[in-house]
Structures are given as structure tokens and as C-alpha cells.
Amino acid sequence: MPVTDSLYRLEKEGVSARIYLDSLTGLRGVAALWVAVWHVWGFAGRPVYRFDIWDTTFDLTPLVRTGWAGVDVFFVLSGFVLGLAYCQAWLGNRPPVRTAEYFRRRLLRVLPAYWVQIAVLLLVMLAAGVGLPAGRDVLAQVLMVHNLFGEPSTQLNPVYWTLPVEFDFYLLLPLLAFLFAPRLWVWLLLPSVLLVVLYRYGLFQYALHDLPVGQKVWWLNQLPGRLDQFVSGMAAAWLYSLAREKGFGQSRLYHWRAVLLTAGIAGMALLAWFIHITQPIGAVNVEGLTYWGGHWSLFIWHSLFGLCIALMVLAAALGLGVTDRLLANRVIMYLGIISYSLYLWHFPLVKWLHQAKLPVLLPDAPLLNGLLWAALPVLLVSSLSYWVVERPFLRLRHSR
């Protein structure tokens, strides 16, 4: 059997066919790639990226500079995929979710690759003679409680801020599912958005206003600062489950899936363009004018973007030829399968390559130059991390 066939099959082992959706695996890969390209863009000096085809100029800068929103895609996908199991159980299409087994699977999915990277990064720092973080900071990251300290400079890897956000949602989801039946999840959307907006606004105005940008990023994005994005995914999971229960051919939602996809992508594009035209590149913390300076978009942008992502996720789950071709092909699905390792490893590798002062291959295209140098190392190391670390624990996770 080809390696790729067994690879994709392992991803599906122990997962209900009603829950595993190829297009969403591909979307996860695109999200990880988006974040990676954004970091390469940052190291390349944040260049404007335009190109001409015939007499038309295409400006991809809004897309590239909002690559941090790939994390938003991860959060919505987590709400959808994990919430879907509870939806299917509530409808009687699968056994109830056992909380102990749920936590076991989450731990085996997240911790091994994370712990291995922490060990490798510490060894590299030791070998390079770089000062190691304080033992307390390392222990906090090992236990994934570093979000309690709010000091991003102590992180071994800047992407680590997102992991406690995900993990806190893993802890919260069984409680949400216990308190609110899945059929109520759509009705949780508005309260969750209001909660997040009030939380972000209040925290910024009364606690974070004068702090460095890094700490603002840290505290505003911890739960409940992104809760509505997870709830958006959960609500989409319920709507998908209802459509499947009725039979796709009988579901009005199924026949509107192209409209959902168009609305979601259009909304995401407009929000990315809004950031581009209102937030000057390089101006980070200008009082009242820039995003981290307290611009009103700081309090609502992620909520709106999460809702648009949820529309796109729902449409992709319902199934469209265009999403299947773009997201469910083997190349993009492979990126989705290794996306966790890709997400963990891309930043250290891109940083090390930047510090190595490698030859400039394309002087007039710094972003493409960075991508050319980074693509192969990131793909190789991410694949190695998946095959050597993640895959054995995936087998263990599915052993019961």
C-alpha cells in the first residue's frame, strides 16, 4: 500500500467517519502555512508584495501581513472538530463522549511533539552557548501553564502563546457540552461575542493600556479573549450535524453551501483589507490609531473573522467541488496532517536561517527569497517530527 494511503488512514483510525473530513484537514494545513509565510515575511522586512499579470496589478500584501489569522482558523477548527463528536453523540449517531478518554486523546495529541521540541530547543541553546531561560519559566512551559505569567520574552518559541489557549478550551468543552446541549450552541454565539468584546475592551483600558505590545498580545488572547471563535466552530458543527441528520439532499443549508463559502471568504478578505488600509506596516503601538494602540478593531476584529471562518468551515464540511479540489488533494492534506509539527517548528527554523545570513537568491523579492530558503528545511523537520514523534503517539491514542 502506498505510504500516503496508510498515512491518511492512520489519521482516521479511531475517528468516526461522520467526524473526519478531508477538506478540514487540508484547511488546517493551509492555516499553518499562512502563519509560516507571515513569519517569513516579517524576517524579510515586511515588504509590499505586488505583481503584474498583463495590465493588472495584484497586491497580496493584505493576505500575507494578516497571516497571524491562521491561528484564528485553528481555533474555529478545534471548536468544530471537537464539538462535532458531542453533536453526533447528542443525536444518537455515536456513543457518548467519555471525558477521561477525551482528555487522554488530547494529551497524546498535543504534548509529545511539544515536549520534544522544548528539549531540542534547550539542547540547541546549550550547544550554542546561549543563556537558558530560568528553570521556573521552562517548567511553566513544560506544564503548559506559561499563560499564567504573561511574560512572552521567556518563551522558547513565540508560537507557544497559542497552546494554552487551545488547551484551556479542551478543558472547557466538556463543561460547555454538559451545561448547554449542542442544539443551543448557535444561540451561544451572540453572548460569547459580547463577552469577548467586553473582556478585551475592559482588560485593555483598565489593565493593559501602557504595557508593551507583547504582553497585550498575550493577555488579550487568553481565554475568554478568543472564546467566541471556538463557539463559532461549535455552532457550525451543530448546523453540519443537523444537515447530515436530515440528509444533505433535504437540507436547505446544504443547497446554500456555495453562498456560505462565498460569504465567508469575502468577509475574511474584507477584514484583511481593512487591516491593510487602516494599519500602516511597521507602526505597531501608536496610541489610538493602530491595532495594538487601542484601535477599535482590536476588540471586535477577531470575533468577526471567526464568524467568517465558521461559514467557510461549514461550507467545506458540507462538501463543494471547489473545496474538495483545493483542500482534499493529497499535497494539501499532507500539510494538514503534519500541520502541528509545521506550526511548532517553522519559527525557530526561519529565525535560524535568517541569522545564518544565507546568500540572497532574489534581491528584488525578499519574501520569495526567504520562502525559497525556508521551504525545504521546514518541510523536512516538520515531517521528521510527525513521523518520529507524533505518529507513534497517534497509534497509541487509537489503541483503545
Protein backbone atom coordinates (compact mmCIF):
# COMPACT_ATOMS: atom_id res chain seq x y z
CA MET A 1 0.00 0.00 0.00
CA PRO A 2 1.42 3.45 -0.79
CA VAL A 3 2.80 5.37 2.16
CA THR A 4 0.29 8.16 1.67
CA ASP A 5 -2.66 5.77 1.85
CA SER A 6 -1.53 4.37 5.20
CA LEU A 7 -0.73 7.87 6.40
CA TYR A 8 -4.23 9.19 5.75
CA ARG A 9 -5.78 6.01 7.12
CA LEU A 10 -3.93 6.43 10.42
CA GLU A 11 -5.35 9.92 10.76
CA LYS A 12 -8.82 8.43 10.52
CA GLU A 13 -8.30 5.44 12.83
CA GLY A 14 -10.43 5.67 15.90
CA VAL A 15 -12.33 8.64 14.45
CA SER A 16 -15.89 8.27 13.26
CA ALA A 17 -16.31 8.64 9.52
CA ARG A 18 -19.03 11.12 10.41
CA ILE A 19 -16.42 13.31 12.07
CA TYR A 20 -13.27 13.05 9.94
CA LEU A 21 -13.49 15.39 6.97
CA ASP A 22 -10.63 15.53 4.46
CA SER A 23 -11.24 19.13 3.45
CA LEU A 24 -10.86 20.33 7.04
CA THR A 25 -7.55 18.51 7.38
CA GLY A 26 -6.41 20.38 4.29
CA LEU A 27 -7.67 23.66 5.72
CA ARG A 28 -5.56 23.05 8.82
CA GLY A 29 -2.52 22.74 6.56
CA VAL A 30 -3.33 25.98 4.77
CA ALA A 31 -3.69 27.75 8.14
CA ALA A 32 -0.28 26.52 9.33
CA LEU A 33 1.28 27.56 6.02
CA TRP A 34 -0.33 31.00 6.29
CA VAL A 35 1.23 31.58 9.71
CA ALA A 36 4.62 30.37 8.45
CA VAL A 37 4.56 32.69 5.42
CA TRP A 38 3.70 35.60 7.71
CA HIS A 39 6.75 34.92 9.88
CA VAL A 40 8.98 34.66 6.80
CA TRP A 41 7.52 37.98 5.64
CA GLY A 42 8.42 39.54 8.99
CA PHE A 43 12.03 38.37 8.82
CA ALA A 44 12.18 39.59 5.20
CA GLY A 45 11.48 43.14 6.38
CA ARG A 46 7.70 43.24 5.80
CA PRO A 47 7.92 44.07 2.10
CA VAL A 48 4.94 45.10 0.00
CA TYR A 49 4.19 42.15 -2.27
CA ARG A 50 2.67 43.08 -5.63
CA PHE A 51 2.98 41.54 -9.06
CA ASP A 52 1.62 42.27 -12.51
CA ILE A 53 -0.20 39.93 -14.86
CA TRP A 54 -0.75 41.55 -18.22
CA ASP A 55 -2.12 45.00 -17.36
CA THR A 56 -3.43 44.12 -13.90
CA THR A 57 -1.57 44.61 -10.60
CA PHE A 58 -2.30 42.13 -7.84
CA ASP A 59 -1.47 43.16 -4.27
CA LEU A 60 -1.07 40.16 -1.96
CA THR A 61 0.24 42.23 0.94
CA PRO A 62 -3.10 42.19 2.83
CA LEU A 63 -3.15 38.40 2.63
CA VAL A 64 0.47 37.96 3.70
CA ARG A 65 0.51 40.52 6.51
CA THR A 66 -2.57 39.00 8.20
CA GLY A 67 -1.01 35.54 8.33
CA TRP A 68 -1.33 35.63 12.12
CA ALA A 69 -5.02 34.96 11.47
CA GLY A 70 -4.11 31.38 10.62
CA VAL A 71 -4.33 30.89 14.38
CA ASP A 72 -7.97 32.02 14.20
CA VAL A 73 -8.57 29.22 11.71
CA PHE A 74 -7.05 26.72 14.16
CA PHE A 75 -9.35 27.90 16.94
CA VAL A 76 -12.52 27.68 14.85
CA LEU A 77 -11.50 24.26 13.52
CA SER A 78 -10.91 23.00 17.06
CA GLY A 79 -14.39 24.13 18.07
CA PHE A 80 -15.87 22.41 15.02
CA VAL A 81 -13.99 19.11 15.10
CA LEU A 82 -14.12 18.54 18.86
CA GLY A 83 -17.67 19.85 19.14
CA LEU A 84 -18.79 17.55 16.34
CA ALA A 85 -18.26 14.48 18.50
CA TYR A 86 -20.67 15.87 21.10
CA CYS A 87 -23.20 16.77 18.40
CA GLN A 88 -23.14 13.27 16.93
CA ALA A 89 -23.49 11.74 20.38
CA TRP A 90 -26.42 14.02 21.24
CA LEU A 91 -28.17 12.95 18.02
CA GLY A 92 -27.56 9.30 18.86
CA ASN A 93 -25.17 8.65 15.98
CA ARG A 94 -22.24 7.62 18.16
CA PRO A 95 -21.62 6.62 21.79
CA PRO A 96 -21.43 9.41 24.36
CA VAL A 97 -18.07 11.14 24.67
CA ARG A 98 -16.18 9.71 27.63
CA THR A 99 -14.43 12.61 29.31
CA ALA A 100 -11.43 10.61 30.55
CA GLU A 101 -10.81 9.17 27.09
CA TYR A 102 -11.30 12.61 25.53
CA PHE A 103 -8.58 14.09 27.75
CA ARG A 104 -6.28 11.13 27.13
CA ARG A 105 -6.52 11.67 23.38
CA ARG A 106 -5.95 15.40 23.68
CA LEU A 107 -2.84 14.91 25.83
CA LEU A 108 -1.37 12.34 23.46
CA ARG A 109 -2.10 14.58 20.51
CA VAL A 110 -0.56 17.77 21.85
CA LEU A 111 2.15 17.06 24.41
CA PRO A 112 4.69 14.65 22.82
CA ALA A 113 5.75 16.85 19.89
CA TYR A 114 5.65 19.90 22.14
CA TRP A 115 7.83 18.34 24.83
CA VAL A 116 10.31 17.00 22.30
CA GLN A 117 10.67 20.45 20.78
CA ILE A 118 11.27 22.03 24.17
CA ALA A 119 14.06 19.50 24.80
CA VAL A 120 15.62 20.08 21.37
CA LEU A 121 15.49 23.87 21.68
CA LEU A 122 17.14 23.73 25.11
CA LEU A 123 19.89 21.48 23.76
CA VAL A 124 20.49 23.80 20.80
CA MET A 125 20.68 26.81 23.12
CA LEU A 126 23.08 24.94 25.39
CA ALA A 127 25.30 23.90 22.47
CA ALA A 128 25.28 27.44 21.08
CA GLY A 129 26.23 28.94 24.42
CA VAL A 130 23.04 30.97 24.59
CA GLY A 131 21.71 31.75 28.03
CA LEU A 132 18.95 29.36 29.08
CA PRO A 133 15.61 30.57 30.45
CA ALA A 134 15.04 30.37 34.18
CA GLY A 135 14.05 26.94 35.45
CA ARG A 136 10.66 28.27 36.55
CA ASP A 137 9.93 29.50 33.03
CA VAL A 138 10.94 26.20 31.45
CA LEU A 139 8.82 24.24 33.92
CA ALA A 140 5.84 26.51 33.25
CA GLN A 141 6.15 25.79 29.53
CA VAL A 142 6.55 22.06 30.09
CA LEU A 143 3.36 22.05 32.17
CA MET A 144 1.70 24.43 29.67
CA VAL A 145 0.81 26.96 32.34
CA HIS A 146 3.10 29.70 30.99
CA ASN A 147 -0.02 31.69 30.11
CA LEU A 148 -0.42 32.45 33.82
CA PHE A 149 2.73 34.58 33.92
CA GLY A 150 2.14 36.90 30.97
CA GLU A 151 5.79 37.33 30.03
CA PRO A 152 6.27 36.40 26.37
CA SER A 153 10.02 37.06 26.43
CA THR A 154 10.52 33.86 28.45
CA GLN A 155 9.02 31.62 25.75
CA LEU A 156 11.35 29.25 23.96
CA ASN A 157 9.20 29.64 20.85
CA PRO A 158 6.92 32.65 20.22
CA VAL A 159 4.11 30.44 18.88
CA TYR A 160 3.73 28.84 22.31
CA TRP A 161 1.26 31.53 23.40
CA THR A 162 -1.48 29.78 21.40
CA LEU A 163 -1.11 26.38 23.02
CA PRO A 164 -2.59 27.23 26.44
CA VAL A 165 -5.50 28.93 24.65
CA GLU A 166 -6.24 25.67 22.85
CA PHE A 167 -5.65 23.63 25.97
CA ASP A 168 -7.94 25.78 28.09
CA PHE A 169 -10.66 25.21 25.50
CA TYR A 170 -10.06 21.45 25.73
CA LEU A 171 -10.70 21.74 29.47
CA LEU A 172 -13.76 23.93 28.99
CA LEU A 173 -15.51 22.00 26.21
CA PRO A 174 -16.86 19.09 28.33
CA LEU A 175 -18.30 21.63 30.76
CA LEU A 176 -19.90 23.63 27.95
CA ALA A 177 -21.34 20.43 26.48
CA PHE A 178 -22.72 19.48 29.91
CA LEU A 179 -24.29 22.90 30.58
CA PHE A 180 -25.57 23.58 27.07
CA ALA A 181 -26.96 20.92 24.74
CA PRO A 182 -25.50 21.17 21.21
CA ARG A 183 -28.83 22.42 19.87
CA LEU A 184 -28.24 25.58 21.94
CA TRP A 185 -24.75 26.26 20.64
CA VAL A 186 -25.91 28.57 17.85
CA TRP A 187 -27.64 30.67 20.49
CA LEU A 188 -24.37 30.95 22.42
CA LEU A 189 -22.76 32.86 19.55
CA LEU A 190 -24.05 36.34 20.38
CA PRO A 191 -23.42 36.09 24.16
CA SER A 192 -19.91 34.77 23.53
CA VAL A 193 -19.10 37.61 21.11
CA LEU A 194 -20.39 40.19 23.60
CA LEU A 195 -18.38 38.57 26.40
CA VAL A 196 -15.19 38.64 24.32
CA VAL A 197 -15.62 42.24 23.19
CA LEU A 198 -16.27 43.43 26.74
CA TYR A 199 -13.38 41.36 28.09
CA ARG A 200 -10.89 42.66 25.52
CA TYR A 201 -12.04 46.27 25.85
CA GLY A 202 -12.12 46.26 29.64
CA LEU A 203 -8.79 44.49 30.01
CA PHE A 204 -7.10 46.83 27.55
CA GLN A 205 -8.49 50.04 29.04
CA TYR A 206 -8.01 49.22 32.70
CA ALA A 207 -5.03 46.86 32.85
CA LEU A 208 -3.01 46.67 29.63
CA HIS A 209 -3.11 50.17 28.17
CA ASP A 210 0.51 51.06 28.93
CA LEU A 211 2.08 47.61 28.66
CA PRO A 212 4.39 46.53 25.82
CA VAL A 213 2.74 45.05 22.75
CA GLY A 214 3.93 41.54 23.55
CA GLN A 215 2.06 41.50 26.85
CA LYS A 216 -1.06 42.93 25.23
CA VAL A 217 -0.97 40.10 22.69
CA TRP A 218 -0.51 37.62 25.49
CA TRP A 219 -3.30 38.67 27.83
CA LEU A 220 -5.95 39.75 25.33
CA ASN A 221 -5.78 36.43 23.52
CA GLN A 222 -6.03 34.15 26.53
CA LEU A 223 -9.49 32.77 27.22
CA PRO A 224 -12.05 34.21 27.29
CA GLY A 225 -10.39 36.56 24.78
CA ARG A 226 -10.87 34.07 21.93
CA LEU A 227 -13.76 32.01 23.29
CA ASP A 228 -16.20 33.16 20.62
CA GLN A 229 -14.03 31.67 17.87
CA PHE A 230 -14.27 28.24 19.45
CA VAL A 231 -18.01 28.72 19.94
CA SER A 232 -18.31 29.72 16.26
CA GLY A 233 -16.80 26.37 15.36
CA MET A 234 -19.10 24.54 17.77
CA ALA A 235 -22.16 26.25 16.28
CA ALA A 236 -21.02 25.30 12.77
CA ALA A 237 -20.60 21.70 13.96
CA TRP A 238 -24.20 21.63 15.16
CA LEU A 239 -25.53 23.05 11.89
CA TYR A 240 -23.49 20.50 9.95
CA SER A 241 -24.81 17.69 12.15
CA LEU A 242 -28.41 18.80 11.58
CA ALA A 243 -27.88 18.87 7.81
CA ARG A 244 -26.38 15.41 7.89
CA GLU A 245 -29.17 14.09 10.09
CA LYS A 246 -31.85 15.32 7.69
CA GLY A 247 -29.96 14.04 4.69
CA PHE A 248 -27.96 16.51 2.69
CA GLY A 249 -30.42 16.47 -0.19
CA GLN A 250 -33.23 17.54 2.15
CA SER A 251 -31.24 20.22 3.95
CA ARG A 252 -31.73 23.83 2.92
CA LEU A 253 -28.33 24.60 4.39
CA TYR A 254 -26.70 22.10 2.03
CA HIS A 255 -28.13 23.86 -1.00
CA TRP A 256 -26.78 27.18 0.29
CA ARG A 257 -23.24 25.92 0.86
CA ALA A 258 -21.79 27.88 -2.09
CA VAL A 259 -23.31 31.06 -0.67
CA LEU A 260 -21.86 30.25 2.77
CA LEU A 261 -18.41 29.72 1.26
CA THR A 262 -18.58 32.93 -0.76
CA ALA A 263 -19.77 34.96 2.22
CA GLY A 264 -17.08 33.51 4.48
CA ILE A 265 -14.20 34.12 2.07
CA ALA A 266 -15.49 37.58 1.11
CA GLY A 267 -15.79 38.55 4.76
CA MET A 268 -12.28 37.33 5.53
CA ALA A 269 -10.89 39.22 2.52
CA LEU A 270 -12.65 42.44 3.51
CA LEU A 271 -11.40 42.19 7.09
CA ALA A 272 -7.84 41.54 5.90
CA TRP A 273 -8.09 44.51 3.54
CA PHE A 274 -9.44 46.65 6.38
CA ILE A 275 -6.36 45.89 8.47
CA HIS A 276 -4.15 46.70 5.50
CA ILE A 277 -5.65 50.10 4.73
CA THR A 278 -6.06 51.27 8.34
CA GLN A 279 -2.90 49.90 9.96
CA PRO A 280 0.39 51.15 8.48
CA ILE A 281 3.05 48.47 8.09
CA GLY A 282 5.63 48.81 10.85
CA ALA A 283 3.55 51.11 13.07
CA VAL A 284 2.64 48.82 15.94
CA ASN A 285 1.70 50.73 19.05
CA VAL A 286 0.57 54.24 18.06
CA GLU A 287 -1.93 55.49 20.63
CA GLY A 288 -5.49 55.05 19.42
CA LEU A 289 -4.51 54.66 15.77
CA THR A 290 -3.01 51.21 15.37
CA TYR A 291 -4.39 47.83 16.27
CA TRP A 292 -2.26 47.32 19.38
CA GLY A 293 -2.51 51.01 20.20
CA GLY A 294 -6.20 50.62 21.02
CA HIS A 295 -7.89 50.99 17.63
CA TRP A 296 -11.49 49.77 17.92
CA SER A 297 -10.71 46.80 15.65
CA LEU A 298 -8.63 45.35 18.50
CA PHE A 299 -11.84 44.50 20.34
CA ILE A 300 -14.04 43.12 17.54
CA TRP A 301 -11.86 42.08 14.56
CA HIS A 302 -11.15 38.52 15.69
CA SER A 303 -14.81 37.95 16.55
CA LEU A 304 -15.92 38.94 13.05
CA PHE A 305 -13.11 37.00 11.42
CA GLY A 306 -14.01 33.89 13.42
CA LEU A 307 -17.61 34.06 12.23
CA CYS A 308 -16.42 34.27 8.61
CA ILE A 309 -14.10 31.30 9.14
CA ALA A 310 -17.01 29.32 10.60
CA LEU A 311 -19.05 29.94 7.44
CA MET A 312 -16.15 28.70 5.32
CA VAL A 313 -15.62 25.65 7.54
CA LEU A 314 -19.32 24.77 7.42
CA ALA A 315 -19.38 25.05 3.62
CA ALA A 316 -16.24 22.93 3.26
CA ALA A 317 -17.66 20.30 5.61
CA LEU A 318 -20.94 20.15 3.68
CA GLY A 319 -18.88 19.47 0.57
CA LEU A 320 -18.22 21.52 -2.53
CA GLY A 321 -16.28 20.55 -5.61
CA VAL A 322 -14.01 23.58 -5.29
CA THR A 323 -13.15 22.96 -1.63
CA ASP A 324 -12.57 19.26 -2.25
CA ARG A 325 -10.21 20.00 -5.13
CA LEU A 326 -8.31 22.70 -3.27
CA LEU A 327 -8.24 21.24 0.23
CA ALA A 328 -8.75 17.47 -0.05
CA ASN A 329 -5.95 16.71 -2.50
CA ARG A 330 -3.00 14.71 -1.22
CA VAL A 331 -0.48 17.57 -1.16
CA ILE A 332 -2.60 19.92 0.93
CA MET A 333 -3.85 17.07 3.12
CA TYR A 334 -0.25 16.10 3.85
CA LEU A 335 0.41 19.64 5.03
CA GLY A 336 -2.69 19.32 7.19
CA ILE A 337 -1.52 16.05 8.70
CA ILE A 338 1.89 17.50 9.64
CA SER A 339 0.41 20.92 10.44
CA TYR A 340 1.00 20.72 14.20
CA SER A 341 4.70 19.97 13.74
CA LEU A 342 4.87 22.55 10.95
CA TYR A 343 3.35 25.12 13.28
CA LEU A 344 5.78 24.28 16.09
CA TRP A 345 8.95 24.15 14.02
CA HIS A 346 8.63 26.83 11.37
CA PHE A 347 9.54 29.82 13.55
CA PRO A 348 12.80 28.50 15.07
CA LEU A 349 13.94 27.30 11.66
CA VAL A 350 13.08 30.55 9.88
CA LYS A 351 14.83 32.52 12.63
CA TRP A 352 17.98 30.38 12.45
CA LEU A 353 18.07 30.64 8.66
CA HIS A 354 17.70 34.40 8.90
CA GLN A 355 20.56 34.62 11.40
CA ALA A 356 22.75 32.48 9.13
CA LYS A 357 22.91 35.32 6.57
CA LEU A 358 22.40 33.00 3.62
CA PRO A 359 23.05 34.23 0.06
CA VAL A 360 20.33 36.36 -1.47
CA LEU A 361 18.88 34.44 -4.39
CA LEU A 362 16.27 37.02 -5.42
CA PRO A 363 17.41 40.55 -4.48
CA ASP A 364 14.20 42.16 -5.70
CA ALA A 365 11.89 39.67 -3.98
CA PRO A 366 12.84 39.32 -0.29
CA LEU A 367 9.71 37.36 0.63
CA LEU A 368 10.23 34.80 -2.13
CA ASN A 369 13.92 34.64 -1.23
CA GLY A 370 13.01 33.77 2.36
CA LEU A 371 10.44 31.21 1.26
CA LEU A 372 12.95 29.51 -1.05
CA TRP A 373 15.43 29.08 1.78
CA ALA A 374 12.83 28.06 4.37
CA ALA A 375 10.54 25.71 2.45
CA LEU A 376 12.67 22.57 2.36
CA PRO A 377 14.10 22.73 5.93
CA VAL A 378 10.67 23.45 7.41
CA LEU A 379 9.03 20.64 5.43
CA LEU A 380 11.78 18.13 6.30
CA VAL A 381 11.92 18.90 10.02
CA SER A 382 8.12 19.03 10.32
CA SER A 383 7.83 15.69 8.54
CA LEU A 384 10.52 14.19 10.78
CA SER A 385 8.70 15.44 13.87
CA TYR A 386 5.45 13.93 12.62
CA TRP A 387 6.87 10.53 11.67
CA VAL A 388 9.21 10.08 14.63
CA VAL A 389 7.23 11.74 17.42
CA GLU A 390 3.60 12.37 16.54
CA ARG A 391 2.81 9.22 14.57
CA PRO A 392 3.77 6.68 17.29
CA PHE A 393 1.59 8.52 19.78
CA LEU A 394 -1.26 8.69 17.28
CA ARG A 395 -1.11 4.90 17.16
CA LEU A 396 -1.11 4.80 20.95
CA ARG A 397 -4.00 7.25 21.05
CA HIS A 398 -6.05 4.95 18.82
CA SER A 399 -5.05 1.76 20.63
CA ARG A 400 -8.23 1.58 22.72
